[in-house]
Amino acid sequence: MLGVYLSGTGNTKHCVEKLIALLDPSAKAIPIESRNTGEEIKRNDMILLGYPTQYSNAPYMVRDFIKKNPTLWKDKKILCVATMGAFSGDGAGCTARLLKKYGAIILGGLHIKMPDSVCDSKLLKKSIEENRKIVREADEKIETVSQEIKRGNYPKEGITWISHLVGLFGQRLWFYGKTQNYTDKLMIHESCIGCGLCATLCPMHNISISNGKAMSGKNCTMCYRCISSCPQKAITLLGKEVKEQCRFEKYY
């Protein structure tokens, strides 16, 4: 068993690590951008694939990783784990359908509500105590799900045809025009001091430092890792200023 995750602010990392530890204490969880992720997947029959849901869809990086490694998935047993701030629709189903095209066996789908990670929007912002409650409830759900999985009962959240319709018409069609290609809207503001932390953290290698300032390419996967960690709050994506740097450690 292997856990693979994309995690910008730590939410999904925590969920995958906790679930896989409950199911198999000897198993490990690794970030999807690790150099040896493909080899690790080859060595394991069961994969827990976790990622944050973005407008009822999986992040570009996750979808691209699946498509660019088509031979990895044949006969692999996969549980898709999608974290969300509020609404996920068929967040788990998006990758489940894609993986099935490459021969994967989909064991189920799991949706876990976690604290909001969109740092430059007021939407969904809550107090630290409210977010701590969300994390406690998420942990309780993971513990319950792990017990059910041990009995052979896998969750089916987000992978039914009803979930597909809810995700498609609830969010994805509305946002589709903005997400056909990699977003190029990552903004670096004047307060940037060129410390290079964002370039180090970016899983897409989308940020570089030039003339003492951070420069963004067009391959942002919207993980919010750089925005949540920038010491100057100098990076935004959907909004014009950072409202809150949303790191999982604040709530746990």
Protein backbone atom coordinates (compact mmCIF):
# COMPACT_ATOMS: atom_id res chain seq x y z
CA MET A 1 0.00 0.00 0.00
CA LEU A 2 1.19 3.49 -0.88
CA GLY A 3 -0.14 6.99 -0.29
CA VAL A 4 0.47 9.63 -2.97
CA TYR A 5 -0.67 13.21 -2.45
CA LEU A 6 -0.56 16.75 -3.75
CA SER A 7 -0.79 19.13 -0.81
CA GLY A 8 -0.27 22.87 -0.87
CA THR A 9 -1.11 23.88 2.68
CA GLY A 10 -0.83 20.50 4.41
CA ASN A 11 -4.50 19.48 4.51
CA THR A 12 -4.34 16.60 2.06
CA LYS A 13 -0.96 15.45 3.33
CA HIS A 14 -2.41 15.05 6.81
CA CYS A 15 -5.49 13.15 5.59
CA VAL A 16 -3.55 10.69 3.43
CA GLU A 17 -0.88 10.11 6.07
CA LYS A 18 -3.48 9.51 8.78
CA LEU A 19 -5.61 7.15 6.71
CA ILE A 20 -2.73 5.09 5.43
CA ALA A 21 -1.22 4.81 8.93
CA LEU A 22 -4.52 3.44 10.22
CA LEU A 23 -4.80 0.94 7.37
CA ASP A 24 -1.18 -0.19 7.26
CA PRO A 25 1.34 1.21 9.76
CA SER A 26 4.21 -0.08 7.62
CA ALA A 27 3.07 1.82 4.51
CA LYS A 28 4.31 5.27 3.56
CA ALA A 29 2.88 8.36 1.92
CA ILE A 30 4.85 10.51 -0.52
CA PRO A 31 4.22 13.78 -2.40
CA ILE A 32 3.31 13.38 -6.04
CA GLU A 33 6.26 15.55 -7.10
CA SER A 34 8.85 13.19 -5.61
CA ARG A 35 11.38 11.94 -8.14
CA ASN A 36 10.67 8.31 -7.32
CA THR A 37 6.85 8.45 -7.23
CA GLY A 38 6.47 6.42 -10.40
CA GLU A 39 8.78 3.67 -9.16
CA GLU A 40 6.99 3.55 -5.83
CA ILE A 41 3.64 3.15 -7.57
CA LYS A 42 5.02 0.28 -9.63
CA ARG A 43 6.03 -1.53 -6.42
CA ASN A 44 2.61 -1.27 -4.78
CA ASP A 45 -0.72 -2.83 -5.71
CA MET A 46 -2.94 -0.45 -3.72
CA ILE A 47 -2.66 3.33 -3.97
CA LEU A 48 -4.35 6.06 -1.92
CA LEU A 49 -4.31 9.08 -4.23
CA GLY A 50 -5.08 12.35 -2.44
CA TYR A 51 -5.46 15.92 -3.68
CA PRO A 52 -7.41 19.13 -2.97
CA THR A 53 -10.57 19.63 -5.00
CA GLN A 54 -10.61 22.75 -7.18
CA TYR A 55 -14.09 23.69 -8.41
CA SER A 56 -15.19 20.04 -8.47
CA ASN A 57 -12.07 18.99 -10.31
CA ALA A 58 -8.64 17.59 -9.55
CA PRO A 59 -5.61 19.92 -9.81
CA TYR A 60 -3.82 20.04 -13.15
CA MET A 61 -0.72 18.46 -11.70
CA VAL A 62 -2.64 15.36 -10.61
CA ARG A 63 -4.45 14.94 -13.93
CA ASP A 64 -1.25 15.50 -15.90
CA PHE A 65 0.68 13.00 -13.78
CA ILE A 66 -1.93 10.35 -14.52
CA LYS A 67 -1.96 11.09 -18.26
CA LYS A 68 1.83 11.26 -18.59
CA ASN A 69 2.27 7.89 -16.88
CA PRO A 70 -0.43 5.79 -18.60
CA THR A 71 1.27 2.44 -18.04
CA LEU A 72 1.49 2.87 -14.26
CA TRP A 73 -2.17 2.30 -13.54
CA LYS A 74 -3.14 -1.03 -15.10
CA ASP A 75 -4.62 -3.33 -12.43
CA LYS A 76 -3.67 -0.94 -9.61
CA LYS A 77 -6.31 -0.76 -6.88
CA ILE A 78 -6.94 2.90 -6.12
CA LEU A 79 -8.86 4.87 -3.52
CA CYS A 80 -9.28 8.50 -4.56
CA VAL A 81 -9.20 10.91 -1.60
CA ALA A 82 -10.36 14.48 -2.26
CA THR A 83 -10.14 17.25 0.34
CA MET A 84 -12.38 20.29 0.07
CA GLY A 85 -13.22 23.57 1.74
CA ALA A 86 -16.97 23.29 1.25
CA PHE A 87 -18.29 21.52 -1.85
CA SER A 88 -16.66 18.76 -3.84
CA GLY A 89 -19.31 17.30 -6.16
CA ASP A 90 -17.44 14.53 -7.93
CA GLY A 91 -13.95 15.60 -6.88
CA ALA A 92 -12.91 11.97 -6.35
CA GLY A 93 -14.74 10.86 -9.48
CA CYS A 94 -12.71 13.14 -11.78
CA THR A 95 -9.54 11.11 -11.26
CA ALA A 96 -11.42 7.83 -10.86
CA ARG A 97 -12.84 8.10 -14.38
CA LEU A 98 -9.45 9.07 -15.78
CA LEU A 99 -7.64 6.24 -14.00
CA LYS A 100 -10.16 3.68 -15.23
CA LYS A 101 -9.24 4.59 -18.81
CA TYR A 102 -5.73 3.34 -18.06
CA GLY A 103 -6.88 0.08 -16.50
CA ALA A 104 -7.01 0.98 -12.82
CA ILE A 105 -9.42 -0.72 -10.43
CA ILE A 106 -11.24 1.96 -8.46
CA LEU A 107 -11.92 0.80 -4.92
CA GLY A 108 -13.82 3.93 -3.94
CA GLY A 109 -13.84 7.64 -3.34
CA LEU A 110 -13.54 9.67 -0.14
CA HIS A 111 -14.36 13.36 0.35
CA ILE A 112 -12.98 15.06 3.46
CA LYS A 113 -13.87 18.60 4.50
CA MET A 114 -10.81 20.52 5.68
CA PRO A 115 -10.03 24.18 6.47
CA ASP A 116 -10.16 26.48 3.45
CA SER A 117 -6.79 26.94 1.75
CA VAL A 118 -7.55 29.80 -0.67
CA CYS A 119 -5.41 32.50 0.92
CA ASP A 120 -6.48 35.50 -1.18
CA SER A 121 -10.26 35.28 -0.82
CA LYS A 122 -12.60 36.06 2.09
CA LEU A 123 -14.88 33.21 1.06
CA LEU A 124 -15.04 30.31 3.54
CA LYS A 125 -12.74 31.99 6.07
CA LYS A 126 -13.33 30.81 9.63
CA SER A 127 -11.82 31.34 13.06
CA ILE A 128 -8.96 29.16 14.26
CA GLU A 129 -11.28 27.34 16.66
CA GLU A 130 -13.81 26.67 13.90
CA ASN A 131 -11.05 25.27 11.71
CA ARG A 132 -9.78 23.14 14.57
CA LYS A 133 -13.27 21.67 14.88
CA ILE A 134 -13.26 20.90 11.14
CA VAL A 135 -9.96 19.06 11.53
CA ARG A 136 -11.25 17.09 14.52
CA GLU A 137 -14.32 16.05 12.55
CA ALA A 138 -12.13 15.11 9.58
CA ASP A 139 -9.97 12.93 11.81
CA GLU A 140 -13.07 11.23 13.21
CA LYS A 141 -14.31 10.53 9.69
CA ILE A 142 -10.95 9.10 8.65
CA GLU A 143 -10.93 6.80 11.68
CA THR A 144 -14.46 5.59 10.90
CA VAL A 145 -13.65 5.06 7.22
CA SER A 146 -10.50 3.11 8.07
CA GLN A 147 -12.54 0.68 10.16
CA GLU A 148 -15.03 0.20 7.32
CA ILE A 149 -12.25 -0.37 4.79
CA LYS A 150 -10.75 -3.04 7.02
CA ARG A 151 -14.14 -4.77 6.80
CA GLY A 152 -14.00 -4.51 3.01
CA ASN A 153 -16.43 -1.59 2.74
CA TYR A 154 -14.97 1.25 0.68
CA PRO A 155 -16.61 4.70 0.59
CA LYS A 156 -18.21 5.69 -2.72
CA GLU A 157 -18.23 9.44 -2.32
CA GLY A 158 -17.95 11.43 -5.53
CA ILE A 159 -17.79 8.46 -7.89
CA THR A 160 -21.49 7.89 -8.62
CA TRP A 161 -23.28 9.23 -11.70
CA ILE A 162 -25.33 11.54 -9.47
CA SER A 163 -22.12 13.02 -8.04
CA HIS A 164 -20.85 13.43 -11.60
CA LEU A 165 -23.87 15.54 -12.53
CA VAL A 166 -23.66 17.59 -9.34
CA GLY A 167 -19.99 18.36 -9.91
CA LEU A 168 -20.43 19.07 -13.60
CA PHE A 169 -23.37 21.44 -13.36
CA GLY A 170 -22.66 22.69 -9.85
CA GLN A 171 -19.21 24.10 -10.52
CA ARG A 172 -17.12 22.59 -13.29
CA LEU A 173 -18.95 23.94 -16.34
CA TRP A 174 -19.01 27.39 -14.75
CA PHE A 175 -15.26 27.32 -14.14
CA TYR A 176 -14.26 25.33 -17.22
CA GLY A 177 -13.39 28.33 -19.37
CA LYS A 178 -10.86 29.49 -16.79
CA THR A 179 -9.19 26.13 -16.38
CA GLN A 180 -8.81 24.68 -19.89
CA ASN A 181 -5.09 25.37 -19.70
CA TYR A 182 -2.69 26.08 -16.88
CA THR A 183 -3.54 29.34 -15.21
CA ASP A 184 -1.20 32.26 -15.94
CA LYS A 185 -2.71 34.55 -13.32
CA LEU A 186 -0.21 34.07 -10.48
CA MET A 187 0.74 37.60 -9.44
CA ILE A 188 3.99 38.67 -7.79
CA HIS A 189 3.64 42.03 -6.04
CA GLU A 190 6.17 44.78 -5.35
CA SER A 191 6.64 43.65 -1.76
CA CYS A 192 8.56 40.58 -3.01
CA ILE A 193 12.12 40.56 -1.64
CA GLY A 194 13.39 37.70 -3.81
CA CYS A 195 14.05 35.32 -0.92
CA GLY A 196 13.42 32.31 -3.19
CA LEU A 197 11.21 30.36 -0.79
CA CYS A 198 8.35 30.22 -3.30
CA ALA A 199 10.63 28.81 -6.01
CA THR A 200 11.83 26.13 -3.60
CA LEU A 201 8.30 25.15 -2.58
CA CYS A 202 6.57 25.13 -5.98
CA PRO A 203 5.81 21.53 -7.04
CA MET A 204 5.54 22.64 -10.68
CA HIS A 205 8.90 24.48 -10.72
CA ASN A 206 6.82 27.36 -12.00
CA ILE A 207 8.59 30.15 -10.09
CA SER A 208 12.12 31.44 -10.59
CA ILE A 209 14.14 34.31 -9.14
CA SER A 210 15.40 36.97 -11.55
CA ASN A 211 17.03 40.28 -10.64
CA GLY A 212 16.08 39.81 -7.01
CA LYS A 213 12.39 39.20 -7.70
CA ALA A 214 10.21 36.12 -8.08
CA MET A 215 8.95 35.44 -11.60
CA SER A 216 5.95 33.22 -12.40
CA GLY A 217 5.59 30.98 -15.43
CA LYS A 218 2.32 29.60 -16.81
CA ASN A 219 2.29 26.21 -15.10
CA CYS A 220 0.60 27.01 -11.77
CA THR A 221 -1.40 24.09 -10.39
CA MET A 222 -3.24 26.35 -7.91
CA CYS A 223 -1.96 24.50 -4.83
CA TYR A 224 -1.44 27.76 -2.88
CA ARG A 225 1.81 26.48 -1.39
CA CYS A 226 3.76 29.61 -2.29
CA ILE A 227 0.98 32.00 -1.29
CA SER A 228 0.47 30.39 2.10
CA SER A 229 4.20 30.52 2.90
CA CYS A 230 5.51 33.79 1.43
CA PRO A 231 6.97 35.85 4.33
CA GLN A 232 6.02 39.08 2.57
CA LYS A 233 2.53 37.95 1.47
CA ALA A 234 3.65 39.08 -1.96
CA ILE A 235 1.92 36.43 -4.10
CA THR A 236 -1.75 36.15 -5.07
CA LEU A 237 -3.74 34.09 -7.54
CA LEU A 238 -7.50 34.67 -7.46
CA GLY A 239 -7.54 37.82 -5.34
CA LYS A 240 -5.50 40.99 -5.09
CA GLU A 241 -4.19 40.57 -1.55
CA VAL A 242 -3.56 37.81 0.94
CA LYS A 243 -6.39 37.59 3.46
CA GLU A 244 -4.93 34.74 5.49
CA GLN A 245 -2.02 32.36 5.07
CA CYS A 246 -3.77 29.04 5.54
CA ARG A 247 -1.38 26.43 6.90
CA PHE A 248 -2.66 23.18 8.35
CA GLU A 249 -0.30 23.46 11.35
CA LYS A 250 -2.29 26.45 12.64
CA TYR A 251 -5.31 24.27 13.28
CA TYR A 252 -3.83 20.99 14.49
